[in-house]
Structures are given as C-alpha cells and as structure tokens.
Amino acid sequence: MRYINNRAHFTIAEIQREFKISRATAIRDINEIQAMGFPLTSELGRGGGYFVMQNQYLPAARFTPDELKAIFISFIASKNSQLPYLQNRRSITEKLIGIASQTQQDELIELNNILLFENTNPANPHLLELDDAAPAELNQLISLAVRDKHLRVTYELSLGWPQLLDVYLLHIFNSNAQWLVEVYNFDTDEFTYLPVEMLRDSAISEQEMKWTEQEILNKKLLRARESNLVVKLDTIGIQRFKRMHPPGIILSLTGMFQSSGIFNVQLDVTDVEALVYYADWLLFLGQGVEFERIPDELRVILEERLATLRFS
C-alpha cells in the first residue's frame, strides 16, 4: 500500500517487477486493496493502468427530478431480485434519498407505496418473498471478468467433489431466478453453463490460453450454425419464452414490432431426459411454434405427446 500511495499512476507489470509476483497475484492484491476502500481507478488501453484518486470520492453528480425517480424506481423493481453488490445498492439508495429535497423525498416514498412489481407482496410491499442475496461467488466473478476473462474456477457439482476448470468467461446472467455463467472449457473444448452457486475460489488463470478470444467466439458461432434445433416463434410463443426457457438460449426478434422470433440449440440426442424436457417446453410455447430444424429423436417424442393429448 505504501508503494501505491507514493505514486499517482502504476501498472500491473510494474507491480509484478517490484514484488516479483505473478500477474494473477498482483491483480488479486490490488482487488483486495480496493475492497479495503483505497481510492483507485483503472483505465484500459495503451498507457492505461491504475490511478490513485488522492483519497477523493467520485465527482458529484446532479440529477433532475425525473432522473432521480427513474433511478429510484429501478431500485424498487429489482428489490425482489437476486443481485450482486447488495450492500452497495443499499448505500446508494440512502445517498439518493439524502440528496433529494424534502418534496422529492415525499414523492419517492409515495412511489414506493404505489408501485408493485413481480414477486412483491401487496399486503406488505417491504416483505421480500425471494432471497435478496446473490450467490457469494458472483461479486468475485464480476470483479475478475472485467479485468481478465481467462479464469480458473472450482466447480463443485456434488458436495465434496470439486473440479478445477480452466475456462474463458463469455457471459454472466440470471435465468429463471438462477445466476449462471457461460464459459468455454479449454479442457473439454465445450461451451457450457455453470450455476454460480456451485463455483468456488475463482481466480485469473495463470495458464496460457490455447485459443484467442476471437477464435473462441468463432467456435461458438460455428456451433450455433450447426445447431440441430432451430425454432421460430409467434407473439404468443415469444411471451411464453420470456416467462420460462432453458438457461442460455438467446431469442432473436425478427419480425416488425417484435412479432416473431427465432432461437437455436444444439441438443444431445442421446440424453433422453433432456429431450423429454424440451418436448414439454416446446408444447408450452404454443401452436405458433415452427421448426426450421429438429432432430428426429425429439420429433418422435413430440408426436407421442400430441397423440396422447388428442386422446386424453
């Protein structure tokens, strides 16, 4: 900390040389120093690095009354959703109320009483019906990924059976009330989705990447084109898709006014349980489903389901 405090600017490479440590260790140490409240800001690109903010907070921001309402409403809307940085969100809310005038504070309180969002209990809007804390590993993943997406993670699918994975992180997202991370696994050459709650001890990988970022993205694009299930949806299908869908599926809206959409999936046709799940889900999407491509194994299950429905 004394080394950093005596400088206005420094880079990861300088820290590595000074203390003879690896890049991953240097980044981890800097993250820990930032978590302690040391005022650092980072800048990407040539000549970038870390800047010491001379113990100052970020410059004051001024909001119009409507901007203040917009921010406050977004916080209300996410009140019953699992989010990272929960403690920071609460402190920001307190600061927003603190900078508002008395009239604006009264308006915000009234908004909080009037507006109800999904999963809000009308009898008690302040009662959280869902766990409002995101998985413990989520903050760490986000902090690492903004610096380096090549990570080493411990995946514990079953308690007491951890797996050390060398991955490239593509996305972190919430699907059906569960936080997932989309990764490319260097060891298996596969793209997969891992529940964040099953990850431990995430860190920046010290191994050399086997593929560049662009090569990994090209692999993903190629496999998407080779998907064995390609489905078109109408407006009803789109609405039902938004209500429930398997994790990781991306719906592309194709029609005017979002009137149609399309998605593709690569299904393992030997996984009978997965095929049955997809058959039931596709029936849930409604009669407007149109298949551009579908594996024969899934088609058979769908036909059996439809036949059962006709005679029931």
Protein backbone atom coordinates (compact mmCIF):
# COMPACT_ATOMS: atom_id res chain seq x y z
CA MET A 1 0.00 0.00 0.00
CA ARG A 2 2.90 2.38 0.70
CA TYR A 3 4.25 1.68 -2.80
CA ILE A 4 0.88 2.57 -4.36
CA ASN A 5 0.28 5.56 -2.11
CA ASN A 6 3.56 7.17 -3.25
CA ARG A 7 2.51 7.05 -6.90
CA ALA A 8 -0.17 8.78 -8.94
CA HIS A 9 -0.15 6.01 -11.57
CA PHE A 10 1.11 2.43 -11.85
CA THR A 11 0.57 -0.69 -13.99
CA ILE A 12 0.21 -4.40 -13.26
CA ALA A 13 3.60 -5.02 -14.90
CA GLU A 14 5.27 -2.55 -12.54
CA ILE A 15 3.74 -4.28 -9.52
CA GLN A 16 4.93 -7.66 -10.85
CA ARG A 17 8.51 -6.41 -11.29
CA GLU A 18 8.62 -4.59 -7.97
CA PHE A 19 7.38 -7.50 -5.84
CA LYS A 20 8.38 -10.42 -8.12
CA ILE A 21 4.87 -11.89 -8.24
CA SER A 22 2.63 -13.27 -10.98
CA ARG A 23 0.05 -11.21 -12.85
CA ALA A 24 -2.81 -13.09 -11.16
CA THR A 25 -1.35 -12.43 -7.70
CA ALA A 26 -0.83 -8.74 -8.50
CA ILE A 27 -4.43 -8.33 -9.66
CA ARG A 28 -5.75 -10.21 -6.63
CA ASP A 29 -3.74 -7.99 -4.25
CA ILE A 30 -4.93 -4.81 -5.97
CA ASN A 31 -8.55 -6.01 -5.77
CA GLU A 32 -8.12 -6.60 -2.04
CA ILE A 33 -6.64 -3.12 -1.58
CA GLN A 34 -9.59 -1.60 -3.48
CA ALA A 35 -12.03 -3.63 -1.35
CA MET A 36 -10.45 -2.02 1.73
CA GLY A 37 -11.53 1.37 0.40
CA PHE A 38 -8.26 2.56 -1.17
CA PRO A 39 -9.25 5.10 -3.88
CA LEU A 40 -8.06 3.53 -7.15
CA THR A 41 -9.50 3.80 -10.63
CA SER A 42 -8.45 1.81 -13.69
CA GLU A 43 -8.04 2.76 -17.34
CA LEU A 44 -7.83 0.30 -20.24
CA GLY A 45 -5.75 0.52 -23.41
CA ARG A 46 -2.23 1.60 -24.29
CA GLY A 47 -0.74 3.63 -21.49
CA GLY A 48 -3.52 2.54 -19.14
CA GLY A 49 -3.20 1.18 -15.65
CA TYR A 50 -4.31 2.27 -12.20
CA PHE A 51 -4.61 5.84 -10.95
CA VAL A 52 -4.63 6.88 -7.31
CA MET A 53 -7.58 9.22 -6.70
CA GLN A 54 -5.84 11.06 -3.85
CA ASN A 55 -8.41 9.90 -1.29
CA GLN A 56 -11.32 11.59 -3.08
CA TYR A 57 -14.78 10.31 -3.87
CA LEU A 58 -16.07 10.33 -7.43
CA PRO A 59 -17.19 13.78 -8.66
CA ALA A 60 -20.65 14.79 -7.51
CA ALA A 61 -23.45 14.02 -9.97
CA ARG A 62 -26.57 16.14 -10.36
CA PHE A 63 -29.92 14.57 -11.21
CA THR A 64 -33.13 16.10 -12.49
CA PRO A 65 -36.32 15.17 -10.55
CA ASP A 66 -37.32 12.72 -13.30
CA GLU A 67 -33.84 11.14 -13.37
CA LEU A 68 -33.99 10.68 -9.60
CA LYS A 69 -37.38 8.95 -9.93
CA ALA A 70 -36.06 6.72 -12.73
CA ILE A 71 -33.11 5.54 -10.61
CA PHE A 72 -35.28 5.02 -7.54
CA ILE A 73 -37.91 3.05 -9.49
CA SER A 74 -35.22 0.81 -10.99
CA PHE A 75 -34.10 0.01 -7.45
CA ILE A 76 -37.67 -0.77 -6.39
CA ALA A 77 -38.14 -3.01 -9.44
CA SER A 78 -35.05 -5.02 -8.52
CA LYS A 79 -35.90 -5.24 -4.82
CA ASN A 80 -37.03 -8.85 -5.06
CA SER A 81 -34.33 -9.98 -7.48
CA GLN A 82 -31.05 -11.61 -6.57
CA LEU A 83 -28.38 -9.03 -7.30
CA PRO A 84 -24.64 -8.68 -6.75
CA TYR A 85 -23.17 -5.87 -4.62
CA LEU A 86 -26.28 -5.83 -2.41
CA GLN A 87 -24.61 -3.80 0.35
CA ASN A 88 -23.53 -1.15 -2.16
CA ARG A 89 -27.05 -0.96 -3.57
CA ARG A 90 -28.44 -0.12 -0.14
CA SER A 91 -25.84 2.60 0.47
CA ILE A 92 -26.58 4.12 -2.97
CA THR A 93 -30.30 4.23 -2.14
CA GLU A 94 -29.54 6.08 1.08
CA LYS A 95 -27.37 8.59 -0.80
CA LEU A 96 -30.05 9.15 -3.44
CA ILE A 97 -32.62 9.94 -0.75
CA GLY A 98 -30.07 12.13 1.01
CA ILE A 99 -29.52 14.41 -1.99
CA ALA A 100 -33.25 14.80 -2.66
CA SER A 101 -35.24 17.74 -1.38
CA GLN A 102 -37.98 17.16 1.18
CA THR A 103 -40.62 17.34 -1.57
CA GLN A 104 -38.70 14.83 -3.70
CA GLN A 105 -38.26 12.53 -0.70
CA ASP A 106 -42.02 12.59 -0.11
CA GLU A 107 -42.57 11.71 -3.79
CA LEU A 108 -40.11 8.80 -3.62
CA ILE A 109 -41.78 7.42 -0.50
CA GLU A 110 -45.16 7.65 -2.22
CA LEU A 111 -43.77 5.89 -5.31
CA ASN A 112 -42.54 3.09 -3.06
CA ASN A 113 -46.07 2.72 -1.66
CA ILE A 114 -47.83 2.83 -5.05
CA LEU A 115 -45.66 0.72 -7.34
CA LEU A 116 -45.81 -3.08 -7.11
CA PHE A 117 -43.64 -5.34 -9.22
CA GLU A 118 -43.50 -9.08 -9.80
CA ASN A 119 -43.00 -11.11 -6.61
CA THR A 120 -44.00 -8.14 -4.44
CA ASN A 121 -46.45 -8.95 -1.65
CA PRO A 122 -49.32 -6.39 -1.92
CA ALA A 123 -50.13 -6.78 1.79
CA ASN A 124 -46.57 -5.88 2.70
CA PRO A 125 -44.51 -4.35 -0.14
CA HIS A 126 -41.41 -4.34 2.05
CA LEU A 127 -41.56 -8.12 2.57
CA LEU A 128 -39.05 -9.84 0.30
CA GLU A 129 -40.51 -13.12 -0.92
CA LEU A 130 -37.24 -14.14 -2.55
CA ASP A 131 -33.75 -14.32 -1.12
CA ASP A 132 -32.33 -10.90 -1.94
CA ALA A 133 -28.71 -12.00 -1.73
CA ALA A 134 -26.90 -13.24 -4.85
CA PRO A 135 -24.52 -16.22 -4.63
CA ALA A 136 -21.37 -15.38 -2.68
CA GLU A 137 -19.08 -16.05 -5.66
CA LEU A 138 -20.90 -13.64 -8.01
CA ASN A 139 -19.15 -10.45 -6.89
CA GLN A 140 -15.75 -12.12 -7.25
CA LEU A 141 -16.57 -13.37 -10.77
CA ILE A 142 -17.67 -9.92 -11.92
CA SER A 143 -14.59 -8.23 -10.44
CA LEU A 144 -12.29 -10.72 -12.16
CA ALA A 145 -14.07 -10.80 -15.53
CA VAL A 146 -13.80 -7.04 -16.11
CA ARG A 147 -10.02 -7.46 -15.93
CA ASP A 148 -9.39 -10.86 -17.49
CA LYS A 149 -11.91 -13.43 -18.79
CA HIS A 150 -9.45 -16.33 -18.71
CA LEU A 151 -10.27 -17.84 -15.31
CA ARG A 152 -9.56 -20.80 -13.10
CA VAL A 153 -12.68 -21.86 -11.22
CA THR A 154 -13.53 -24.67 -8.84
CA TYR A 155 -16.81 -26.30 -9.83
CA GLU A 156 -18.48 -28.35 -7.10
CA LEU A 157 -21.42 -30.13 -8.73
CA SER A 158 -21.65 -32.53 -5.78
CA LEU A 159 -20.58 -31.64 -2.25
CA GLY A 160 -17.06 -32.87 -1.64
CA TRP A 161 -16.31 -33.49 -5.35
CA PRO A 162 -14.69 -30.28 -6.65
CA GLN A 163 -13.39 -29.94 -10.21
CA LEU A 164 -10.73 -27.41 -11.20
CA LEU A 165 -11.69 -25.89 -14.56
CA ASP A 166 -9.67 -23.71 -16.95
CA VAL A 167 -12.30 -21.57 -18.70
CA TYR A 168 -12.91 -18.47 -20.76
CA LEU A 169 -15.89 -16.50 -19.44
CA LEU A 170 -18.39 -15.29 -22.05
CA HIS A 171 -21.42 -14.08 -20.07
CA ILE A 172 -22.87 -13.88 -16.56
CA PHE A 173 -26.66 -13.81 -16.50
CA ASN A 174 -29.76 -14.57 -14.47
CA SER A 175 -32.24 -17.10 -15.86
CA ASN A 176 -35.32 -18.44 -14.08
CA ALA A 177 -34.15 -16.93 -10.76
CA GLN A 178 -30.70 -18.55 -11.00
CA TRP A 179 -27.33 -16.93 -11.73
CA LEU A 180 -25.37 -18.73 -14.43
CA VAL A 181 -22.03 -18.21 -16.12
CA GLU A 182 -21.49 -19.14 -19.77
CA VAL A 183 -17.95 -20.41 -20.31
CA TYR A 184 -15.76 -22.11 -22.87
CA ASN A 185 -13.96 -25.05 -21.23
CA PHE A 186 -10.41 -25.32 -22.61
CA ASP A 187 -10.01 -28.93 -21.42
CA THR A 188 -13.19 -30.35 -22.98
CA ASP A 189 -13.45 -27.90 -25.93
CA GLU A 190 -17.10 -27.27 -25.00
CA PHE A 191 -19.35 -24.31 -24.26
CA THR A 192 -21.38 -24.79 -21.10
CA TYR A 193 -23.43 -23.04 -18.41
CA LEU A 194 -22.35 -23.33 -14.79
CA PRO A 195 -24.52 -22.31 -11.80
CA VAL A 196 -22.64 -19.57 -9.94
CA GLU A 197 -23.73 -21.04 -6.60
CA MET A 198 -21.64 -24.14 -7.40
CA LEU A 199 -18.42 -22.21 -8.10
CA ARG A 200 -15.64 -21.66 -5.58
CA ASP A 201 -12.26 -19.90 -5.39
CA SER A 202 -12.43 -18.15 -8.77
CA ALA A 203 -9.17 -16.53 -9.87
CA ILE A 204 -7.46 -15.32 -13.02
CA SER A 205 -5.81 -18.29 -14.71
CA GLU A 206 -2.03 -18.44 -14.89
CA GLN A 207 -2.11 -20.89 -17.82
CA GLU A 208 -1.54 -19.76 -21.38
CA MET A 209 -4.73 -19.58 -23.45
CA LYS A 210 -4.95 -22.31 -26.10
CA TRP A 211 -7.14 -20.10 -28.29
CA THR A 212 -7.53 -16.37 -28.71
CA GLU A 213 -10.79 -14.63 -27.79
CA GLN A 214 -11.73 -14.27 -31.46
CA GLU A 215 -11.05 -17.97 -32.13
CA ILE A 216 -13.30 -18.90 -29.20
CA LEU A 217 -16.10 -16.65 -30.49
CA ASN A 218 -15.70 -18.15 -33.97
CA LYS A 219 -16.07 -21.63 -32.47
CA LYS A 220 -19.30 -20.58 -30.78
CA LEU A 221 -20.69 -19.03 -33.98
CA LEU A 222 -19.86 -22.16 -35.98
CA ARG A 223 -21.57 -24.44 -33.47
CA ALA A 224 -24.64 -22.22 -33.42
CA ARG A 225 -24.91 -22.61 -37.19
CA GLU A 226 -24.67 -26.38 -36.75
CA SER A 227 -27.48 -26.45 -34.16
CA ASN A 228 -29.86 -29.38 -34.62
CA LEU A 229 -32.89 -27.49 -33.23
CA VAL A 230 -33.93 -24.20 -34.86
CA VAL A 231 -37.34 -22.83 -33.83
CA LYS A 232 -39.44 -19.86 -34.98
CA LEU A 233 -41.98 -18.31 -32.59
CA ASP A 234 -45.05 -16.10 -32.97
CA THR A 235 -46.07 -13.38 -30.48
CA ILE A 236 -47.64 -15.89 -28.05
CA GLY A 237 -44.53 -18.06 -28.22
CA ILE A 238 -42.33 -15.03 -27.52
CA GLN A 239 -44.37 -14.10 -24.45
CA ARG A 240 -44.23 -17.65 -23.12
CA PHE A 241 -40.50 -17.90 -23.93
CA LYS A 242 -39.87 -14.83 -21.75
CA ARG A 243 -41.83 -16.45 -18.91
CA MET A 244 -39.79 -19.65 -18.98
CA HIS A 245 -36.92 -21.04 -21.04
CA PRO A 246 -33.88 -23.27 -20.51
CA PRO A 247 -30.77 -21.31 -19.45
CA GLY A 248 -28.52 -19.88 -22.09
CA ILE A 249 -30.95 -19.82 -25.02
CA ILE A 250 -30.94 -16.46 -26.79
CA LEU A 251 -34.09 -15.40 -28.64
CA SER A 252 -33.54 -13.19 -31.68
CA LEU A 253 -36.54 -11.00 -32.53
CA THR A 254 -37.05 -10.97 -36.30
CA GLY A 255 -40.48 -9.51 -37.08
CA MET A 256 -41.70 -5.94 -37.09
CA PHE A 257 -42.82 -4.80 -33.60
CA GLN A 258 -41.25 -7.96 -32.12
CA SER A 259 -43.98 -10.08 -33.70
CA SER A 260 -41.73 -13.08 -34.40
CA GLY A 261 -38.50 -14.59 -33.16
CA ILE A 262 -36.06 -17.45 -33.64
CA PHE A 263 -33.64 -19.42 -31.47
CA ASN A 264 -31.30 -22.36 -31.98
CA VAL A 265 -30.00 -25.11 -29.68
CA GLN A 266 -27.54 -27.97 -30.02
CA LEU A 267 -29.25 -30.91 -28.30
CA ASP A 268 -27.57 -34.12 -27.20
CA VAL A 269 -29.90 -36.66 -28.84
CA THR A 270 -28.62 -39.43 -26.53
CA ASP A 271 -29.89 -37.56 -23.45
CA VAL A 272 -33.48 -38.82 -23.25
CA GLU A 273 -34.28 -36.79 -20.13
CA ALA A 274 -33.25 -33.55 -21.86
CA LEU A 275 -35.27 -34.43 -24.98
CA VAL A 276 -38.39 -35.05 -22.89
CA TYR A 277 -37.89 -31.72 -21.10
CA TYR A 278 -37.56 -29.84 -24.42
CA ALA A 279 -40.62 -31.60 -25.85
CA ASP A 280 -42.77 -30.48 -22.92
CA TRP A 281 -41.34 -26.95 -23.08
CA LEU A 282 -41.92 -26.63 -26.83
CA LEU A 283 -45.56 -27.65 -26.35
CA PHE A 284 -45.84 -24.97 -23.65
CA LEU A 285 -44.72 -22.34 -26.20
CA GLY A 286 -47.99 -22.81 -28.10
CA GLN A 287 -49.32 -23.72 -31.51
CA GLY A 288 -47.38 -20.97 -33.29
CA VAL A 289 -44.10 -22.88 -32.99
CA GLU A 290 -42.47 -23.56 -36.37
CA PHE A 291 -39.46 -25.85 -36.77
CA GLU A 292 -36.76 -24.99 -39.27
CA ARG A 293 -34.66 -27.87 -37.97
CA ILE A 294 -35.45 -30.58 -35.41
CA PRO A 295 -33.71 -33.88 -34.55
CA ASP A 296 -35.75 -37.00 -35.34
CA GLU A 297 -35.45 -38.20 -31.73
CA LEU A 298 -37.18 -35.05 -30.45
CA ARG A 299 -39.81 -35.15 -33.21
CA VAL A 300 -40.84 -38.67 -32.16
CA ILE A 301 -41.34 -37.61 -28.54
CA LEU A 302 -43.36 -34.56 -29.62
CA GLU A 303 -45.62 -36.70 -31.82
CA GLU A 304 -46.18 -39.12 -28.93
CA ARG A 305 -47.07 -36.20 -26.64
CA LEU A 306 -49.51 -34.75 -29.18
CA ALA A 307 -51.13 -38.13 -29.75
CA THR A 308 -51.65 -38.54 -26.01
CA LEU A 309 -53.21 -35.08 -25.77
CA ARG A 310 -55.64 -35.80 -28.63
CA PHE A 311 -56.99 -38.97 -26.98
CA SER A 312 -57.00 -37.75 -23.39
